[in-house]
């Protein structure tokens, strides 16, 4: 059974399932849901816990069957805590999970925490077997209003509150990093105790823990949000993200937009072109806006500047590669820039 994260707590209170598969790339939600399963299992008498770390040296999927078959000295109920960082079990793991779900052991709960599951794996036999045997929950990074709501609830859990402006400031400072958000809320509670927080208190205490990555940079560039774009770019530079990684992302996006434009000019349907270039629902609007805003000349100039940045990174041309990358970002956002020699 697939459940949304907000449905998970209520389902756990009703009864304990024999199998839980919790996956995603948001560590705090992932960890807290797993903690909730372990706590519910202990309350139900599952005092034994066996930890299996997949993808570590010496691990074999035969260990899952052995853990399911083995009994403790006191024949206690048991929870098997399987960690699957990559989000995919591979061929041997798939067989082991299908076999396990086909013969569920008594008095045993299997808890699997995993990394983000690829979209093409959702119809795999091993995931369908887990779905049939128990509960599957996928967690995603929270954005916009979902993040605002989560922060409000988290503050309330700690006996704190803040007005909408204060919560928005908190959201802008931690930008999707829920672990950092939880830590900052704990810090606010320790300093001020329960009660309503002022905007000034939040500004004084909360550090800028925004979790930047190149994909946020690309989204900011495509949306032409110059303020956010420069903030993310500065964050990447401050975090010592390698310049070639940023160049790869920017150049890749420019080439993709150029290919999409060419295909559309040749009469192909936009839906087909987007599907061929793996532009899924969440990014369609961003890409569509960028296509209408960026002329071919700007995309070509981005690629030329990308070649320049590549030479600067390799020491084959003078100049600061980071400044060239910044110029590329501004071009993506259709911001006016000073002409410079290539």
Protein backbone atom coordinates (compact mmCIF):
# COMPACT_ATOMS: atom_id res chain seq x y z
CA UNK A 1 0.00 0.00 0.00
CA UNK A 2 1.37 3.38 -1.04
CA UNK A 3 0.86 6.11 1.56
CA UNK A 4 1.66 9.81 1.54
CA UNK A 5 3.91 11.02 4.37
CA UNK A 6 0.98 12.81 6.03
CA UNK A 7 -1.02 9.54 6.06
CA UNK A 8 1.79 7.52 7.56
CA UNK A 9 1.42 8.45 11.25
CA UNK A 10 -2.29 7.61 11.38
CA UNK A 11 -1.73 4.26 9.64
CA UNK A 12 1.04 3.40 12.10
CA UNK A 13 -1.27 4.11 15.04
CA UNK A 14 -3.92 1.72 13.72
CA UNK A 15 -1.79 -1.37 13.29
CA UNK A 16 1.73 -2.58 12.56
CA UNK A 17 2.38 -3.82 9.01
CA UNK A 18 4.78 -6.71 8.35
CA UNK A 19 6.82 -4.63 5.88
CA UNK A 20 7.69 -0.93 5.63
CA UNK A 21 9.61 0.58 2.72
CA UNK A 22 10.48 4.25 3.30
CA UNK A 23 12.50 5.95 0.59
CA UNK A 24 13.55 9.41 -0.49
CA UNK A 25 16.28 12.03 -0.40
CA UNK A 26 15.07 14.00 2.63
CA UNK A 27 17.10 12.60 5.59
CA UNK A 28 15.08 14.10 8.44
CA UNK A 29 11.69 12.83 7.26
CA UNK A 30 13.22 9.48 6.37
CA UNK A 31 14.87 9.11 9.77
CA UNK A 32 11.87 10.23 11.79
CA UNK A 33 9.50 7.88 9.98
CA UNK A 34 11.88 4.98 10.56
CA UNK A 35 12.15 5.97 14.24
CA UNK A 36 8.35 5.94 14.47
CA UNK A 37 8.19 2.40 13.06
CA UNK A 38 10.85 1.20 15.50
CA UNK A 39 9.06 2.84 18.44
CA UNK A 40 5.70 1.31 17.49
CA UNK A 41 7.35 -2.07 17.06
CA UNK A 42 8.90 -1.88 20.54
CA UNK A 43 5.53 -0.97 22.04
CA UNK A 44 4.09 -4.05 20.35
CA UNK A 45 6.76 -6.29 21.86
CA UNK A 46 9.30 -6.37 19.04
CA UNK A 47 12.33 -6.04 21.31
CA UNK A 48 14.90 -7.75 19.08
CA UNK A 49 16.38 -5.72 16.23
CA UNK A 50 18.76 -6.96 13.57
CA UNK A 51 20.51 -4.34 11.46
CA UNK A 52 21.49 -5.15 7.86
CA UNK A 53 23.54 -2.66 5.86
CA UNK A 54 23.20 -3.40 2.15
CA UNK A 55 26.01 -2.38 -0.20
CA UNK A 56 28.67 -2.61 2.50
CA UNK A 57 31.71 -4.85 2.31
CA UNK A 58 30.81 -8.41 3.20
CA UNK A 59 27.05 -7.97 2.88
CA UNK A 60 25.11 -10.76 1.20
CA UNK A 61 21.40 -10.83 0.50
CA UNK A 62 21.35 -14.32 2.03
CA UNK A 63 21.57 -12.47 5.34
CA UNK A 64 17.96 -11.32 4.89
CA UNK A 65 16.69 -14.90 4.70
CA UNK A 66 18.90 -15.89 7.62
CA UNK A 67 17.58 -13.03 9.73
CA UNK A 68 14.01 -14.01 8.88
CA UNK A 69 14.59 -17.66 9.80
CA UNK A 70 16.62 -17.19 12.97
CA UNK A 71 15.00 -17.07 16.39
CA UNK A 72 16.41 -15.48 19.52
CA UNK A 73 16.99 -17.48 22.68
CA UNK A 74 13.69 -16.19 24.06
CA UNK A 75 11.83 -16.35 20.72
CA UNK A 76 11.03 -12.62 20.92
CA UNK A 77 9.34 -10.73 18.16
CA UNK A 78 11.91 -9.14 15.89
CA UNK A 79 12.38 -6.14 13.62
CA UNK A 80 14.78 -6.45 10.69
CA UNK A 81 16.24 -3.00 9.99
CA UNK A 82 17.52 -3.04 6.41
CA UNK A 83 19.37 0.04 5.09
CA UNK A 84 19.50 0.46 1.30
CA UNK A 85 21.31 3.74 0.54
CA UNK A 86 21.13 3.54 -3.26
CA UNK A 87 17.38 3.00 -3.43
CA UNK A 88 17.72 -0.11 -5.57
CA UNK A 89 18.52 -3.66 -4.40
CA UNK A 90 20.04 -4.97 -7.64
CA UNK A 91 19.30 -8.39 -9.10
CA UNK A 92 20.14 -10.48 -6.01
CA UNK A 93 18.36 -8.07 -3.71
CA UNK A 94 15.25 -8.02 -5.89
CA UNK A 95 15.03 -11.82 -5.73
CA UNK A 96 15.60 -11.81 -1.98
CA UNK A 97 12.87 -9.23 -1.34
CA UNK A 98 10.36 -11.00 -3.60
CA UNK A 99 11.06 -14.29 -1.82
CA UNK A 100 10.74 -12.64 1.60
CA UNK A 101 7.39 -11.06 0.74
CA UNK A 102 6.14 -14.37 -0.65
CA UNK A 103 6.80 -16.11 2.68
CA UNK A 104 6.41 -13.50 5.40
CA UNK A 105 7.86 -14.78 8.68
CA UNK A 106 5.72 -14.61 11.80
CA UNK A 107 6.45 -12.09 14.56
CA UNK A 108 8.82 -10.14 12.29
CA UNK A 109 8.66 -6.61 10.92
CA UNK A 110 10.90 -5.70 8.00
CA UNK A 111 11.80 -2.01 7.92
CA UNK A 112 13.64 -0.87 4.78
CA UNK A 113 14.97 2.66 4.55
CA UNK A 114 16.30 3.55 1.13
CA UNK A 115 17.53 6.37 -1.03
CA UNK A 116 15.36 7.90 -3.73
CA UNK A 117 13.75 5.31 -5.99
CA UNK A 118 14.09 5.96 -9.71
CA UNK A 119 10.83 6.51 -11.57
CA UNK A 120 11.37 3.46 -13.79
CA UNK A 121 11.69 1.25 -10.69
CA UNK A 122 8.16 1.97 -9.49
CA UNK A 123 6.76 -0.88 -11.60
CA UNK A 124 9.50 -3.35 -10.72
CA UNK A 125 8.52 -6.75 -9.33
CA UNK A 126 10.39 -6.26 -6.06
CA UNK A 127 8.64 -2.96 -5.31
CA UNK A 128 5.26 -4.42 -6.25
CA UNK A 129 5.96 -7.30 -3.85
CA UNK A 130 6.73 -4.84 -1.04
CA UNK A 131 3.60 -2.87 -1.91
CA UNK A 132 1.45 -5.99 -1.66
CA UNK A 133 3.04 -7.14 1.59
CA UNK A 134 3.12 -3.86 3.51
CA UNK A 135 3.42 -0.09 3.30
CA UNK A 136 5.47 2.08 0.95
CA UNK A 137 6.14 5.74 1.69
CA UNK A 138 8.19 8.07 -0.50
CA UNK A 139 9.41 11.35 0.97
CA UNK A 140 10.39 14.39 -1.05
CA UNK A 141 12.10 17.68 -0.23
CA UNK A 142 9.46 20.19 0.83
CA UNK A 143 9.02 23.37 -1.17
CA UNK A 144 7.04 26.60 -1.01
CA UNK A 145 3.78 26.30 1.00
CA UNK A 146 4.51 22.71 2.06
CA UNK A 147 7.73 23.88 3.67
CA UNK A 148 5.95 26.82 5.34
CA UNK A 149 3.29 24.48 6.75
CA UNK A 150 5.91 22.02 7.99
CA UNK A 151 7.85 24.76 9.77
CA UNK A 152 4.68 26.02 11.45
CA UNK A 153 3.86 22.52 12.68
CA UNK A 154 7.43 21.95 13.86
CA UNK A 155 7.44 25.19 15.82
CA UNK A 156 4.11 24.25 17.39
CA UNK A 157 5.47 20.86 18.47
CA UNK A 158 8.16 22.74 20.42
CA UNK A 159 5.67 25.15 21.97
CA UNK A 160 6.78 27.96 19.67
CA UNK A 161 4.98 30.14 17.16
CA UNK A 162 5.82 32.92 14.76
CA UNK A 163 3.93 35.16 12.38
CA UNK A 164 3.93 34.43 8.65
CA UNK A 165 6.83 36.81 8.01
CA UNK A 166 9.00 35.11 10.61
CA UNK A 167 8.26 31.65 9.19
CA UNK A 168 9.07 32.88 5.68
CA UNK A 169 12.42 34.19 6.91
CA UNK A 170 13.13 30.85 8.54
CA UNK A 171 12.19 29.06 5.31
CA UNK A 172 14.47 31.29 3.21
CA UNK A 173 17.41 30.69 5.52
CA UNK A 174 17.20 26.88 5.66
CA UNK A 175 15.77 26.41 2.11
CA UNK A 176 14.65 22.81 2.09
CA UNK A 177 17.19 21.52 4.61
CA UNK A 178 14.79 20.07 7.18
CA UNK A 179 17.56 18.77 9.40
CA UNK A 180 18.99 22.28 9.65
CA UNK A 181 15.47 23.61 10.27
CA UNK A 182 14.93 21.22 13.18
CA UNK A 183 18.26 22.23 14.67
CA UNK A 184 17.49 25.94 14.34
CA UNK A 185 14.05 25.51 15.93
CA UNK A 186 15.68 23.65 18.81
CA UNK A 187 18.16 26.50 19.16
CA UNK A 188 15.31 29.05 19.24
CA UNK A 189 13.55 27.03 21.95
CA UNK A 190 16.70 26.80 24.09
CA UNK A 191 17.34 30.55 23.82
CA UNK A 192 13.82 31.90 24.20
CA UNK A 193 11.70 29.09 25.64
CA UNK A 194 8.11 28.40 24.63
CA UNK A 195 6.09 31.28 23.24
CA UNK A 196 5.78 33.50 20.21
CA UNK A 197 8.98 34.45 18.41
CA UNK A 198 9.53 37.87 16.95
CA UNK A 199 10.98 38.39 13.49
CA UNK A 200 14.02 39.99 15.09
CA UNK A 201 14.67 36.94 17.28
CA UNK A 202 14.56 34.66 14.24
CA UNK A 203 16.89 36.93 12.26
CA UNK A 204 19.36 37.10 15.16
CA UNK A 205 19.60 33.35 15.67
CA UNK A 206 18.97 31.44 12.46
CA UNK A 207 22.06 30.83 10.36
CA UNK A 208 21.93 30.65 6.58
CA UNK A 209 21.81 26.87 6.10
CA UNK A 210 20.39 26.85 2.61
CA UNK A 211 21.12 23.60 0.83
CA UNK A 212 22.28 24.65 -2.59
CA UNK A 213 22.85 22.42 -5.56
CA UNK A 214 23.32 22.86 -9.26
CA UNK A 215 19.75 21.84 -10.01
CA UNK A 216 18.40 24.69 -7.88
CA UNK A 217 20.74 26.96 -9.83
CA UNK A 218 19.32 25.74 -13.14
CA UNK A 219 15.72 26.17 -11.97
CA UNK A 220 16.46 29.71 -10.79
CA UNK A 221 18.08 30.51 -14.14
CA UNK A 222 15.16 29.10 -16.15
CA UNK A 223 12.65 31.03 -14.04
CA UNK A 224 14.64 34.27 -14.58
CA UNK A 225 14.66 34.87 -10.83
CA UNK A 226 17.87 36.91 -10.76
CA UNK A 227 17.91 37.51 -6.99
CA UNK A 228 17.56 33.83 -6.17
CA UNK A 229 19.91 32.87 -9.00
CA UNK A 230 22.78 34.99 -7.68
CA UNK A 231 22.12 33.82 -4.13
CA UNK A 232 22.30 30.15 -5.13
CA UNK A 233 25.35 30.81 -7.31
CA UNK A 234 27.17 32.52 -4.42
CA UNK A 235 26.20 29.64 -2.16
CA UNK A 236 27.65 27.08 -4.54
CA UNK A 237 30.87 29.08 -4.79
CA UNK A 238 31.10 29.42 -1.01
CA UNK A 239 30.56 25.68 -0.57
CA UNK A 240 33.48 25.00 -2.95
CA UNK A 241 31.33 23.15 -5.46
CA UNK A 242 33.76 22.45 -8.35
CA UNK A 243 33.40 24.91 -11.22
CA UNK A 244 33.33 22.07 -13.82
CA UNK A 245 30.19 20.66 -12.17
CA UNK A 246 28.40 24.01 -12.51
CA UNK A 247 29.63 24.43 -16.08
CA UNK A 248 28.40 20.92 -16.97
CA UNK A 249 24.90 21.71 -15.65
CA UNK A 250 24.64 25.08 -17.41
CA UNK A 251 26.00 23.84 -20.73
CA UNK A 252 23.82 20.74 -20.62
CA UNK A 253 20.70 22.87 -20.10
CA UNK A 254 21.63 25.23 -22.94
CA UNK A 255 22.19 22.31 -25.32
CA UNK A 256 18.88 20.74 -24.29
CA UNK A 257 16.97 23.97 -24.88
CA UNK A 258 18.64 24.35 -28.30
CA UNK A 259 17.69 20.80 -29.28
CA UNK A 260 14.10 21.31 -28.13
CA UNK A 261 13.83 24.54 -30.12
CA UNK A 262 15.13 22.80 -33.24
CA UNK A 263 12.71 19.88 -32.85
CA UNK A 264 9.77 22.25 -32.40
CA UNK A 265 10.78 24.19 -35.53
CA UNK A 266 10.75 20.88 -37.42
CA UNK A 267 7.09 20.45 -36.50
CA UNK A 268 7.33 17.89 -33.70
CA UNK A 269 4.71 18.13 -30.95
CA UNK A 270 5.83 19.80 -27.75
CA UNK A 271 4.61 16.86 -25.62
CA UNK A 272 6.68 14.40 -27.64
CA UNK A 273 9.76 16.62 -27.62
CA UNK A 274 9.53 17.14 -23.85
CA UNK A 275 9.17 13.40 -23.31
CA UNK A 276 12.15 12.65 -25.56
CA UNK A 277 14.28 15.07 -23.55
CA UNK A 278 13.02 13.85 -20.16
CA UNK A 279 11.22 17.09 -19.28
CA UNK A 280 8.67 15.84 -16.78
CA UNK A 281 5.62 17.60 -15.31
CA UNK A 282 7.37 19.51 -12.53
CA UNK A 283 9.78 21.20 -14.99
CA UNK A 284 7.53 21.71 -18.02
CA UNK A 285 6.46 25.22 -17.06
CA UNK A 286 10.04 26.32 -16.32
CA UNK A 287 11.37 24.97 -19.59
CA UNK A 288 8.43 26.30 -21.57
CA UNK A 289 8.95 29.81 -20.16
CA UNK A 290 12.67 29.67 -20.94
CA UNK A 291 11.99 28.55 -24.52
CA UNK A 292 9.77 31.55 -25.11
CA UNK A 293 12.19 33.96 -23.47
CA UNK A 294 15.63 32.87 -24.68
CA UNK A 295 16.43 33.47 -28.38
CA UNK A 296 18.80 31.18 -30.27
CA UNK A 297 21.48 33.89 -30.14
CA UNK A 298 21.53 33.86 -26.33
CA UNK A 299 21.72 30.08 -26.18
CA UNK A 300 24.60 30.10 -28.66
CA UNK A 301 26.39 32.75 -26.65
CA UNK A 302 25.94 30.68 -23.48
CA UNK A 303 27.64 27.75 -25.20
CA UNK A 304 30.48 29.96 -26.47
CA UNK A 305 30.98 31.36 -22.96
CA UNK A 306 30.85 27.80 -21.65
CA UNK A 307 33.80 26.91 -23.87
CA UNK A 308 35.62 29.97 -22.54
CA UNK A 309 34.93 28.93 -18.92
CA UNK A 310 36.22 25.45 -19.73
CA UNK A 311 39.50 26.87 -21.03
CA UNK A 312 39.82 29.10 -17.95
CA UNK A 313 39.23 26.16 -15.61
CA UNK A 314 41.97 24.23 -17.41
CA UNK A 315 44.38 27.18 -17.32
CA UNK A 316 44.34 27.52 -21.10
CA UNK A 317 42.92 31.06 -21.06
CA UNK A 318 43.35 33.96 -18.68
CA UNK A 319 40.50 35.25 -16.59
CA UNK A 320 38.27 34.09 -13.75
CA UNK A 321 36.11 31.08 -14.65
CA UNK A 322 33.66 31.95 -11.86
CA UNK A 323 33.00 35.36 -13.38
CA UNK A 324 32.35 33.72 -16.74
CA UNK A 325 29.97 31.27 -15.09
CA UNK A 326 28.18 34.18 -13.41
CA UNK A 327 27.77 35.85 -16.82
CA UNK A 328 26.30 32.62 -18.21
CA UNK A 329 23.80 32.55 -15.35
CA UNK A 330 22.75 36.14 -16.06
CA UNK A 331 22.31 35.33 -19.74
CA UNK A 332 20.09 32.39 -18.80
CA UNK A 333 17.96 34.77 -16.72
CA UNK A 334 17.82 37.32 -19.57
CA UNK A 335 19.59 39.91 -17.43
CA UNK A 336 21.53 42.73 -19.13
CA UNK A 337 25.29 42.18 -19.03
CA UNK A 338 28.29 44.15 -20.18
CA UNK A 339 29.84 42.93 -23.40
CA UNK A 340 33.14 41.17 -22.88
CA UNK A 341 35.69 39.59 -25.21
CA UNK A 342 35.33 35.87 -25.74
